[in-house]
Amino acid sequence: MIADTPAADESLPRPERPAARYGAARPRRGRLVVVVVCFAVLAALGLGWVAVGMLQPRAEGEVGIFDVIDSTHAEFVLEVTRPTGRTAVCTVEALGEGFGQVGLVDVAVEPSDAQVARVESTIATSTTASVVTVTSCRLL
């Protein structure tokens, strides 16, 4: 049988660190402060990044009405919301029966005093369109 060593016995006091040899013991609180400060800086940077992204002006569009003229064309009304006095370009996509892309067009919306603009346009298609939708809008 192996005898318990004094280091393994929890009831014995822990030996103190020799201050003359290793210097005075530093409090452990310093690591916690560093971790908290790093976390606070990262949180502030993340919130700033989100705030800057939310403050950027943007354009959004949607197709209000569309009508299939024939198997090679469809007409649509594009409604675009953007800051007044700014030009927006929206990419409009026509999808066929199996929801595959059958047409694609970029529509420019000229600047005006109104925030919402309605533009009528036509999209050329390779087959009959089932759906006409906006994929993206961007400001120029």
Protein backbone atom coordinates (compact mmCIF):
# COMPACT_ATOMS: atom_id res chain seq x y z
CA MET A 1 0.00 0.00 0.00
CA ILE A 2 1.25 3.45 -0.91
CA ALA A 3 1.28 6.05 1.81
CA ASP A 4 -0.36 9.40 1.14
CA THR A 5 2.10 12.17 0.47
CA PRO A 6 1.73 15.48 2.30
CA ALA A 7 1.06 17.26 -1.03
CA ALA A 8 -1.96 15.05 -1.64
CA ASP A 9 -3.45 15.69 1.78
CA GLU A 10 -5.99 18.53 1.56
CA SER A 11 -6.05 19.14 5.30
CA LEU A 12 -2.44 20.36 5.39
CA PRO A 13 -1.80 24.04 4.71
CA ARG A 14 -0.29 24.94 1.35
CA PRO A 15 3.30 26.10 1.53
CA GLU A 16 3.75 29.79 0.81
CA ARG A 17 5.72 30.96 -2.18
CA PRO A 18 9.15 32.29 -1.15
CA ALA A 19 8.84 36.03 -1.77
CA ALA A 20 12.60 36.58 -1.52
CA ARG A 21 13.20 34.21 -4.41
CA TYR A 22 10.23 34.89 -6.72
CA GLY A 23 9.09 38.37 -5.71
CA ALA A 24 5.79 39.33 -4.15
CA ALA A 25 2.75 37.48 -5.43
CA ARG A 26 0.63 39.56 -7.80
CA PRO A 27 -3.11 39.55 -7.48
CA ARG A 28 -4.95 37.47 -10.11
CA ARG A 29 -7.41 40.26 -10.75
CA GLY A 30 -5.29 41.65 -13.60
CA ARG A 31 -6.27 38.90 -16.06
CA LEU A 32 -9.94 39.45 -15.38
CA VAL A 33 -9.57 43.18 -16.03
CA VAL A 34 -7.79 42.50 -19.34
CA VAL A 35 -10.50 40.05 -20.43
CA VAL A 36 -13.30 42.48 -19.51
CA VAL A 37 -11.60 45.39 -21.32
CA CYS A 38 -11.02 43.26 -24.44
CA PHE A 39 -14.65 42.13 -24.42
CA ALA A 40 -15.87 45.73 -24.01
CA VAL A 41 -13.71 46.94 -26.91
CA LEU A 42 -14.94 44.12 -29.17
CA ALA A 43 -18.57 44.81 -28.21
CA ALA A 44 -18.14 48.53 -28.93
CA LEU A 45 -16.57 47.80 -32.33
CA GLY A 46 -19.37 45.38 -33.20
CA LEU A 47 -22.09 47.86 -32.23
CA GLY A 48 -20.34 50.60 -34.19
CA TRP A 49 -20.14 48.40 -37.28
CA VAL A 50 -23.87 47.62 -37.05
CA ALA A 51 -24.75 51.29 -36.50
CA VAL A 52 -22.71 52.43 -39.51
CA GLY A 53 -24.39 49.79 -41.68
CA MET A 54 -27.84 50.89 -40.56
CA LEU A 55 -27.12 54.55 -41.26
CA GLN A 56 -26.06 53.99 -44.88
CA PRO A 57 -28.71 55.05 -47.41
CA ARG A 58 -30.05 52.23 -49.54
CA ALA A 59 -32.59 51.50 -52.22
CA GLU A 60 -35.28 48.84 -52.16
CA GLY A 61 -37.59 47.81 -54.93
CA GLU A 62 -40.43 45.46 -55.69
CA VAL A 63 -42.49 44.58 -58.72
CA GLY A 64 -46.03 45.78 -58.15
CA ILE A 65 -47.76 44.48 -61.30
CA PHE A 66 -46.50 42.40 -64.19
CA ASP A 67 -48.16 41.22 -67.38
CA VAL A 68 -46.91 38.61 -69.83
CA ILE A 69 -47.13 40.08 -73.34
CA ASP A 70 -46.03 36.93 -75.15
CA SER A 71 -43.48 34.13 -74.74
CA THR A 72 -40.59 36.56 -75.26
CA HIS A 73 -41.62 39.69 -73.29
CA ALA A 74 -43.23 40.75 -70.02
CA GLU A 75 -44.18 44.23 -68.83
CA PHE A 76 -43.89 45.25 -65.19
CA VAL A 77 -44.25 48.20 -62.83
CA LEU A 78 -41.26 48.64 -60.53
CA GLU A 79 -41.74 50.54 -57.26
CA VAL A 80 -38.47 51.79 -55.81
CA THR A 81 -37.89 53.45 -52.45
CA ARG A 82 -34.66 55.45 -52.24
CA PRO A 83 -33.42 58.75 -50.81
CA THR A 84 -34.78 61.77 -52.68
CA GLY A 85 -32.48 63.14 -55.35
CA ARG A 86 -30.55 59.84 -55.75
CA THR A 87 -30.38 57.52 -58.76
CA ALA A 88 -31.06 53.84 -58.15
CA VAL A 89 -30.46 50.84 -60.39
CA CYS A 90 -32.53 47.71 -59.75
CA THR A 91 -31.90 44.28 -61.24
CA VAL A 92 -35.16 42.61 -62.25
CA GLU A 93 -35.37 38.90 -62.97
CA ALA A 94 -38.05 36.90 -64.80
CA LEU A 95 -38.55 33.28 -63.78
CA GLY A 96 -40.18 30.56 -65.88
CA GLU A 97 -42.45 27.67 -64.97
CA GLY A 98 -39.75 25.67 -63.16
CA PHE A 99 -38.49 28.85 -61.44
CA GLY A 100 -35.43 28.99 -63.69
CA GLN A 101 -34.25 32.39 -64.86
CA VAL A 102 -35.68 33.31 -68.28
CA GLY A 103 -34.85 37.03 -68.31
CA LEU A 104 -32.73 39.66 -66.57
CA VAL A 105 -32.66 43.45 -66.91
CA ASP A 106 -31.22 46.44 -65.02
CA VAL A 107 -33.68 49.32 -64.62
CA ALA A 108 -32.39 52.81 -63.79
CA VAL A 109 -34.63 55.01 -61.64
CA GLU A 110 -33.80 58.67 -62.15
CA PRO A 111 -33.56 61.07 -59.19
CA SER A 112 -36.69 62.96 -58.15
CA ASP A 113 -38.20 64.84 -55.22
CA ALA A 114 -40.35 61.81 -54.28
CA GLN A 115 -38.89 59.05 -52.15
CA VAL A 116 -40.95 56.35 -53.91
CA ALA A 117 -40.81 56.13 -57.69
CA ARG A 118 -42.84 53.96 -60.07
CA VAL A 119 -41.24 52.91 -63.34
CA GLU A 120 -42.88 50.91 -66.13
CA SER A 121 -40.52 48.69 -68.10
CA THR A 122 -40.31 45.57 -70.26
CA ILE A 123 -38.12 42.50 -69.82
CA ALA A 124 -37.12 40.20 -72.68
CA THR A 125 -37.52 36.50 -71.87
CA SER A 126 -36.33 33.27 -73.46
CA THR A 127 -39.63 31.51 -72.61
CA THR A 128 -42.91 32.56 -71.00
CA ALA A 129 -42.36 34.22 -67.61
CA SER A 130 -44.30 33.03 -64.55
CA VAL A 131 -42.85 35.49 -62.04
CA VAL A 132 -41.07 38.85 -62.29
CA THR A 133 -39.13 39.87 -59.19
CA VAL A 134 -36.45 42.32 -58.02
CA THR A 135 -33.14 40.65 -57.08
CA SER A 136 -31.30 43.78 -55.90
CA CYS A 137 -31.24 47.58 -55.91
CA ARG A 138 -28.27 49.86 -55.43
CA LEU A 139 -27.66 53.60 -55.31
CA LEU A 140 -25.39 55.36 -57.75
